[in-house]
C-alpha atoms as a PDB file:
ATOM      1  CA  MET A   1      89.081 111.733 117.466  1.00  0.00           C
ATOM      2  CA  LYS A   2      88.236 108.667 115.416  1.00  0.00           C
ATOM      3  CA  TYR A   3      91.000 106.169 114.620  1.00  0.00           C
ATOM      4  CA  SER A   4      91.212 103.537 111.900  1.00  0.00           C
ATOM      5  CA  ILE A   5      93.516 100.597 112.485  1.00  0.00           C
ATOM      6  CA  LEU A   6      94.680  97.986 110.013  1.00  0.00           C
ATOM      7  CA  LEU A   7      95.910  94.708 111.532  1.00  0.00           C
ATOM      8  CA  MET A   8      97.792  92.626 108.974  1.00  0.00           C
ATOM      9  CA  LEU A   9      98.062  88.908 109.695  1.00  0.00           C
ATOM     10  CA  ASN A  10      99.690  85.937 108.082  1.00  0.00           C
ATOM     11  CA  ALA A  11      98.377  82.406 108.534  1.00  0.00           C
ATOM     12  CA  THR A  12     101.034  79.823 109.350  1.00  0.00           C
ATOM     13  CA  PRO A  13     101.306  76.300 107.908  1.00  0.00           C
ATOM     14  CA  LYS A  14      99.648  75.036 111.115  1.00  0.00           C
ATOM     15  CA  TRP A  15      96.523  76.930 110.042  1.00  0.00           C
ATOM     16  CA  TRP A  16      96.512  75.771 106.442  1.00  0.00           C
ATOM     17  CA  VAL A  17      96.720  72.051 107.256  1.00  0.00           C
ATOM     18  CA  MET A  18      93.506  72.108 109.321  1.00  0.00           C
ATOM     19  CA  ASN A  19      90.200  71.457 107.612  1.00  0.00           C
ATOM     20  CA  ASN A  20      87.865  74.352 106.857  1.00  0.00           C
ATOM     21  CA  GLU A  21      85.270  73.378 109.445  1.00  0.00           C
ATOM     22  CA  TYR A  22      87.823  73.350 112.267  1.00  0.00           C
ATOM     23  CA  ARG A  23      89.244  76.721 111.162  1.00  0.00           C
ATOM     24  CA  SER A  24      85.765  78.209 110.936  1.00  0.00           C
ATOM     25  CA  ASN A  25      84.941  76.982 114.444  1.00  0.00           C
ATOM     26  CA  LEU A  26      88.152  78.523 115.824  1.00  0.00           C
ATOM     27  CA  PHE A  27      87.252  81.874 114.283  1.00  0.00           C
ATOM     28  CA  LYS A  28      83.719  81.729 115.701  1.00  0.00           C
ATOM     29  CA  GLN A  29      84.824  80.570 119.121  1.00  0.00           C
ATOM     30  CA  HIS A  30      87.765  82.917 119.627  1.00  0.00           C
ATOM     31  CA  LEU A  31      87.766  85.802 117.174  1.00  0.00           C
ATOM     32  CA  PHE A  32      84.089  86.585 116.729  1.00  0.00           C
ATOM     33  CA  THR A  33      83.420  86.098 120.442  1.00  0.00           C
ATOM     34  CA  LEU A  34      86.147  88.654 121.146  1.00  0.00           C
ATOM     35  CA  PHE A  35      84.703  91.058 118.557  1.00  0.00           C
ATOM     36  CA  THR A  36      81.305  90.784 120.222  1.00  0.00           C
ATOM     37  CA  SER A  37      82.763  91.680 123.613  1.00  0.00           C
ATOM     38  CA  TYR A  38      83.973  95.021 122.163  1.00  0.00           C
ATOM     39  CA  GLU A  39      80.775  95.805 120.267  1.00  0.00           C
ATOM     40  CA  GLY A  40      79.851  99.433 120.736  1.00  0.00           C
ATOM     41  CA  HIS A  41      83.488 100.428 121.259  1.00  0.00           C
ATOM     42  CA  ILE A  42      85.209  99.063 118.148  1.00  0.00           C
ATOM     43  CA  HIS A  43      83.794  98.437 114.675  1.00  0.00           C
ATOM     44  CA  PHE A  44      85.439  95.420 112.970  1.00  0.00           C
ATOM     45  CA  ARG A  45      85.735  94.159 109.403  1.00  0.00           C
ATOM     46  CA  VAL A  46      87.581  90.976 108.385  1.00  0.00           C
ATOM     47  CA  PHE A  47      89.226  90.493 104.978  1.00  0.00           C
ATOM     48  CA  ASN A  48      90.940  87.568 103.292  1.00  0.00           C
ATOM     49  CA  ALA A  49      93.978  88.529 101.212  1.00  0.00           C
ATOM     50  CA  ASP A  50      95.915  85.304 100.577  1.00  0.00           C
ATOM     51  CA  ALA A  51      95.162  85.336  96.847  1.00  0.00           C
ATOM     52  CA  PHE A  52      96.306  88.942  96.541  1.00  0.00           C
ATOM     53  CA  HIS A  53      99.301  89.347  98.833  1.00  0.00           C
ATOM     54  CA  ALA A  54     102.388  87.207  99.369  1.00  0.00           C
ATOM     55  CA  HIS A  55     103.036  88.113 103.010  1.00  0.00           C
ATOM     56  CA  VAL A  56      99.585  88.937 104.412  1.00  0.00           C
ATOM     57  CA  SER A  57      96.855  86.295 104.328  1.00  0.00           C
ATOM     58  CA  ASP A  58      94.208  88.254 106.222  1.00  0.00           C
ATOM     59  CA  PHE A  59      93.613  91.700 107.592  1.00  0.00           C
ATOM     60  CA  PHE A  60      91.194  93.367 109.956  1.00  0.00           C
ATOM     61  CA  THR A  61      90.060  96.954 109.918  1.00  0.00           C
ATOM     62  CA  LEU A  62      89.038  98.485 113.218  1.00  0.00           C
ATOM     63  CA  GLU A  63      87.467 101.841 113.880  1.00  0.00           C
ATOM     64  CA  THR A  64      87.316 103.382 117.343  1.00  0.00           C
ATOM     65  CA  SER A  65      87.451 106.623 119.266  1.00  0.00           C
ATOM     66  CA  ASP A  66      88.632 104.832 122.390  1.00  0.00           C
ATOM     67  CA  LEU A  67      92.296 103.824 122.263  1.00  0.00           C
ATOM     68  CA  ALA A  68      92.076 102.172 125.685  1.00  0.00           C
ATOM     69  CA  GLN A  69      89.448  99.763 124.308  1.00  0.00           C
ATOM     70  CA  TYR A  70      91.665  99.095 121.266  1.00  0.00           C
ATOM     71  CA  TYR A  71      94.656  98.437 123.541  1.00  0.00           C
ATOM     72  CA  ASN A  72      92.675  95.956 125.638  1.00  0.00           C
ATOM     73  CA  PHE A  73      91.291  94.276 122.505  1.00  0.00           C
ATOM     74  CA  LEU A  74      94.761  93.767 121.038  1.00  0.00           C
ATOM     75  CA  LYS A  75      96.078  92.291 124.286  1.00  0.00           C
ATOM     76  CA  GLU A  76      93.134  89.872 124.378  1.00  0.00           C
ATOM     77  CA  LEU A  77      93.502  89.038 120.670  1.00  0.00           C
ATOM     78  CA  ARG A  78      97.135  88.029 121.153  1.00  0.00           C
ATOM     79  CA  ALA A  79      96.080  85.756 124.023  1.00  0.00           C
ATOM     80  CA  THR A  80      93.598  83.788 121.865  1.00  0.00           C
ATOM     81  CA  LYS A  81      94.342  80.324 120.487  1.00  0.00           C
ATOM     82  CA  LEU A  82      94.741  81.899 117.056  1.00  0.00           C
ATOM     83  CA  PHE A  83      98.034  83.422 118.226  1.00  0.00           C
ATOM     84  CA  THR A  84      99.098  81.279 121.174  1.00  0.00           C
ATOM     85  CA  ASN A  85      98.873  78.131 119.040  1.00  0.00           C
ATOM     86  CA  GLU A  86     100.862  79.952 116.358  1.00  0.00           C
ATOM     87  CA  TYR A  87      98.112  79.784 113.732  1.00  0.00           C
ATOM     88  CA  PHE A  88      98.595  83.467 112.878  1.00  0.00           C
ATOM     89  CA  ILE A  89     101.399  85.988 113.052  1.00  0.00           C
ATOM     90  CA  LEU A  90     100.655  89.678 113.436  1.00  0.00           C
ATOM     91  CA  LYS A  91     102.750  91.130 110.605  1.00  0.00           C
ATOM     92  CA  ASP A  92     102.016  94.826 110.985  1.00  0.00           C
ATOM     93  CA  ILE A  93      99.714  97.442 112.454  1.00  0.00           C
ATOM     94  CA  VAL A  94      98.883 100.698 110.678  1.00  0.00           C
ATOM     95  CA  MET A  95      96.897 103.347 112.531  1.00  0.00           C
ATOM     96  CA  GLY A  96      95.604 106.688 111.393  1.00  0.00           C
ATOM     97  CA  ALA A  97      93.507 109.489 112.830  1.00  0.00           C
ATOM     98  CA  GLU A  98      90.543 110.324 110.634  1.00  0.00           C
ATOM     99  CA  ASN A  99      90.976 113.912 109.426  1.00  0.00           C
ATOM    100  CA  GLY A 100      93.626 114.418 112.106  1.00  0.00           C
ATOM    101  CA  PHE A 101      95.080 117.329 110.173  1.00  0.00           C
ATOM    102  CA  LYS A 102      91.889 119.342 110.770  1.00  0.00           C
ATOM    103  CA  GLU A 103      92.329 119.268 114.544  1.00  0.00           C
ATOM    104  CA  PHE A 104      96.016 120.059 114.164  1.00  0.00           C
ATOM    105  CA  ASN A 105      95.283 123.007 111.869  1.00  0.00           C
ATOM    106  CA  SER A 106      92.510 124.379 114.092  1.00  0.00           C
ATOM    107  CA  LYS A 107      94.941 124.519 117.015  1.00  0.00           C
ATOM    108  CA  SER A 108      97.938 125.727 114.994  1.00  0.00           C
ATOM    109  CA  ILE A 109      96.417 128.475 112.820  1.00  0.00           C
ATOM    110  CA  PRO A 110      95.418 130.769 115.717  1.00  0.00           C
ATOM    111  CA  LYS A 111      98.931 130.448 117.134  1.00  0.00           C
ATOM    112  CA  LYS A 112     100.493 131.027 113.689  1.00  0.00           C
ATOM    113  CA  GLU A 113     102.529 127.856 113.995  1.00  0.00           C
ATOM    114  CA  VAL A 114     103.266 125.296 111.319  1.00  0.00           C
ATOM    115  CA  VAL A 115     100.196 124.452 109.234  1.00  0.00           C
ATOM    116  CA  MET A 116      99.894 121.193 107.359  1.00  0.00           C
ATOM    117  CA  ASN A 117      97.683 120.939 104.285  1.00  0.00           C
END
């Protein structure tokens, strides 16, 4: 099964007071290096939302079929300087199974159990 995960982050004042070059280097050194180490297991996209949302400044979308890899990634992400130096706060995580209802229905219909549309 393929999972999509939305990680919603909020940058702290510590992040905003640093110059752009320093922030960019932190992302390259810690975040993008971490993404690279999970290449082939997790597909990542990074979005900036601070002009569009009051409580979420950035969000990542992840796609994976391997929840163990996702679990390990999240543990490593929280151990990066971006979180340990309190530059970002993880506000929320939303996860969904792509077309999960199809698998549920294929197993439920033959047994004549509850069917979700």
